[in-house]
Amino acid sequence: MSNESNNIPSWIKILFGGVLLAGVAYAVYFHAGNPTTHASQFHNAVYSNVVKATVEIIPVRNAASIANGEKSYKTACAGCHGGNMEGGFGPNLNDGTWLHEIKTESGLVRLINMGIAPADAKSPGKSMPPKGGQKLSGEQIWEIVYYIGSKNGSVIKDSPAQ
């Protein structure tokens, strides 16, 4: 009995071996040897906008933090809101009228952090960049809000740090 009918031609064996070798090389290079695989690139692209946990330092509302807030306000906010919060390019911060209906300290902190997009501005052309276009820390923003609240009694004090 002859096994000739079960023999596979050698050219098919060579072709199969080459494809197998190329597949293994691809897998090793692109998945095991390369730290930035397609999966990790996808993960980085998709999850890059996920909110990352941070620890925000919320200062205690006291005379020192209000004084710091006044200094920060004068350099970061007064250009648009006026030196005495009387308004100018930006709205008046002395009265009880709040254009964006945000009266809590935490709401004002979020508003300052995020800014006001042109589409959300109540007056045409009067948007505000995030953090007023300044390099303000979270602590400085809270201190500015404490300062505003010390001058405007309509700000609702809801700071968790007391």
Protein backbone atom coordinates (compact mmCIF):
# COMPACT_ATOMS: atom_id res chain seq x y z
CA MET A 1 0.00 0.00 0.00
CA SER A 2 1.42 3.33 -1.03
CA ASN A 3 1.17 6.68 0.86
CA GLU A 4 1.60 8.78 -2.25
CA SER A 5 -2.03 9.89 -2.22
CA ASN A 6 -1.54 11.44 1.30
CA ASN A 7 1.57 13.41 0.40
CA ILE A 8 1.22 17.18 0.17
CA PRO A 9 3.32 18.83 -2.50
CA SER A 10 6.39 20.55 -1.07
CA TRP A 11 5.52 23.94 -2.57
CA ILE A 12 2.30 24.00 -0.49
CA LYS A 13 4.29 23.10 2.63
CA ILE A 14 6.72 25.95 1.93
CA LEU A 15 3.88 28.39 1.28
CA PHE A 16 2.05 27.34 4.46
CA GLY A 17 5.27 27.60 6.50
CA GLY A 18 6.00 31.08 5.10
CA VAL A 19 2.52 32.34 5.93
CA LEU A 20 2.75 30.84 9.40
CA LEU A 21 6.18 32.40 9.97
CA ALA A 22 4.96 35.82 8.72
CA GLY A 23 1.92 35.62 11.04
CA VAL A 24 4.06 34.80 14.05
CA ALA A 25 6.49 37.64 13.20
CA TYR A 26 3.56 40.07 12.84
CA ALA A 27 2.07 39.00 16.17
CA VAL A 28 5.37 39.28 18.00
CA TYR A 29 6.29 42.66 16.56
CA PHE A 30 2.90 44.39 16.69
CA HIS A 31 1.47 42.84 19.83
CA ALA A 32 4.19 41.50 22.08
CA GLY A 33 7.28 43.52 21.22
CA ASN A 34 5.67 46.89 20.60
CA PRO A 35 4.31 48.63 23.72
CA THR A 36 1.95 50.80 21.66
CA THR A 37 -0.30 48.19 20.16
CA HIS A 38 -3.41 49.04 18.23
CA ALA A 39 -5.42 48.16 21.32
CA SER A 40 -3.44 50.55 23.52
CA GLN A 41 -3.63 53.29 20.88
CA PHE A 42 -7.40 52.81 20.75
CA HIS A 43 -7.60 52.83 24.55
CA ASN A 44 -5.55 56.03 24.77
CA ALA A 45 -7.65 57.75 22.11
CA VAL A 46 -11.00 56.75 23.58
CA TYR A 47 -10.22 57.26 27.24
CA SER A 48 -8.07 60.39 26.98
CA ASN A 49 -11.10 62.57 27.73
CA VAL A 50 -12.17 60.59 30.76
CA VAL A 51 -12.19 62.65 33.92
CA LYS A 52 -9.19 61.72 36.00
CA ALA A 53 -9.44 61.69 39.76
CA THR A 54 -7.76 64.69 41.29
CA VAL A 55 -7.47 66.08 44.74
CA GLU A 56 -8.64 69.66 44.80
CA ILE A 57 -7.49 71.78 47.67
CA ILE A 58 -10.37 73.92 48.81
CA PRO A 59 -9.09 76.58 51.17
CA VAL A 60 -10.90 77.50 54.33
CA ARG A 61 -12.89 80.72 54.00
CA ASN A 62 -11.11 83.12 56.33
CA ALA A 63 -9.60 86.61 56.23
CA ALA A 64 -6.32 85.35 54.71
CA SER A 65 -8.00 83.44 51.88
CA ILE A 66 -10.29 86.40 51.13
CA ALA A 67 -7.27 88.74 51.03
CA ASN A 68 -5.49 86.30 48.67
CA GLY A 69 -8.65 86.19 46.56
CA GLU A 70 -8.70 89.99 46.33
CA LYS A 71 -5.09 90.01 45.07
CA SER A 72 -5.85 87.29 42.50
CA TYR A 73 -9.05 89.07 41.44
CA LYS A 74 -7.18 92.34 40.86
CA THR A 75 -4.67 90.64 38.52
CA ALA A 76 -6.90 88.06 36.83
CA CYS A 77 -10.47 89.37 36.78
CA ALA A 78 -10.49 93.15 37.19
CA GLY A 79 -9.63 93.76 33.55
CA CYS A 80 -13.08 92.58 32.49
CA HIS A 81 -15.18 92.84 35.67
CA GLY A 82 -13.75 96.12 36.96
CA GLY A 83 -11.44 96.83 39.87
CA ASN A 84 -14.38 97.07 42.28
CA MET A 85 -16.48 94.38 40.54
CA GLU A 86 -18.60 97.13 38.96
CA GLY A 87 -18.52 95.52 35.54
CA GLY A 88 -17.07 96.58 32.25
CA PHE A 89 -16.55 94.13 29.44
CA GLY A 90 -17.71 91.44 31.88
CA PRO A 91 -20.86 91.79 33.99
CA ASN A 92 -21.19 93.57 37.32
CA LEU A 93 -20.42 91.18 40.19
CA ASN A 94 -21.70 93.47 42.95
CA ASP A 95 -25.41 93.10 42.40
CA GLY A 96 -27.73 90.16 42.87
CA THR A 97 -28.31 89.72 39.14
CA TRP A 98 -26.37 86.74 37.84
CA LEU A 99 -26.51 86.28 34.10
CA HIS A 100 -26.00 82.53 34.25
CA GLU A 101 -28.23 81.94 37.28
CA ILE A 102 -25.32 80.56 39.28
CA LYS A 103 -25.23 81.92 42.80
CA THR A 104 -23.40 79.22 44.78
CA GLU A 105 -19.69 79.25 45.47
CA SER A 106 -19.23 75.81 43.91
CA GLY A 107 -21.21 76.90 40.84
CA LEU A 108 -19.05 80.00 40.42
CA VAL A 109 -15.90 77.89 40.75
CA ARG A 110 -17.17 75.59 37.97
CA LEU A 111 -18.11 78.60 35.83
CA ILE A 112 -14.66 80.16 36.23
CA ASN A 113 -12.92 76.84 35.57
CA MET A 114 -14.92 76.08 32.44
CA GLY A 115 -15.42 79.60 31.17
CA ILE A 116 -18.36 80.70 29.05
CA ALA A 117 -18.44 79.62 25.43
CA PRO A 118 -19.47 82.24 22.86
CA ALA A 119 -22.65 80.25 22.16
CA ASP A 120 -23.57 80.37 25.87
CA ALA A 121 -22.80 84.06 26.42
CA LYS A 122 -25.85 86.10 27.38
CA SER A 123 -24.53 89.12 25.47
CA PRO A 124 -23.04 88.70 21.97
CA GLY A 125 -19.26 88.74 21.98
CA LYS A 126 -19.02 88.51 25.78
CA SER A 127 -17.67 85.03 26.36
CA MET A 128 -15.06 84.13 28.98
CA PRO A 129 -12.19 81.71 28.42
CA PRO A 130 -11.61 78.97 31.00
CA LYS A 131 -10.07 80.44 34.16
CA GLY A 132 -10.53 83.87 32.62
CA GLY A 133 -7.62 83.10 30.33
CA GLN A 134 -5.27 83.09 33.31
CA LYS A 135 -3.10 80.40 34.91
CA LEU A 136 -5.08 80.09 38.11
CA SER A 137 -4.88 77.16 40.48
CA GLY A 138 -8.01 75.63 41.96
CA GLU A 139 -7.12 77.17 45.29
CA GLN A 140 -6.80 80.64 43.74
CA ILE A 141 -10.20 80.27 42.07
CA TRP A 142 -11.83 79.36 45.38
CA GLU A 143 -10.16 82.36 47.02
CA ILE A 144 -11.46 84.65 44.26
CA VAL A 145 -14.96 83.28 44.81
CA TYR A 146 -14.60 83.86 48.57
CA TYR A 147 -13.56 87.45 47.81
CA ILE A 148 -16.55 87.98 45.51
CA GLY A 149 -18.82 86.45 48.16
CA SER A 150 -17.39 88.77 50.83
CA LYS A 151 -18.45 91.77 48.70
CA ASN A 152 -21.71 90.36 47.36
CA GLY A 153 -24.15 88.95 49.89
CA SER A 154 -26.18 87.13 47.24
CA VAL A 155 -23.46 84.47 46.78
CA ILE A 156 -24.62 81.30 48.53
CA LYS A 157 -21.85 79.89 50.67
CA ASP A 158 -21.64 76.16 50.03
CA SER A 159 -17.90 75.55 50.35
CA PRO A 160 -17.24 72.14 51.90
CA ALA A 161 -14.11 73.49 53.62
CA GLN A 162 -15.19 75.53 56.64
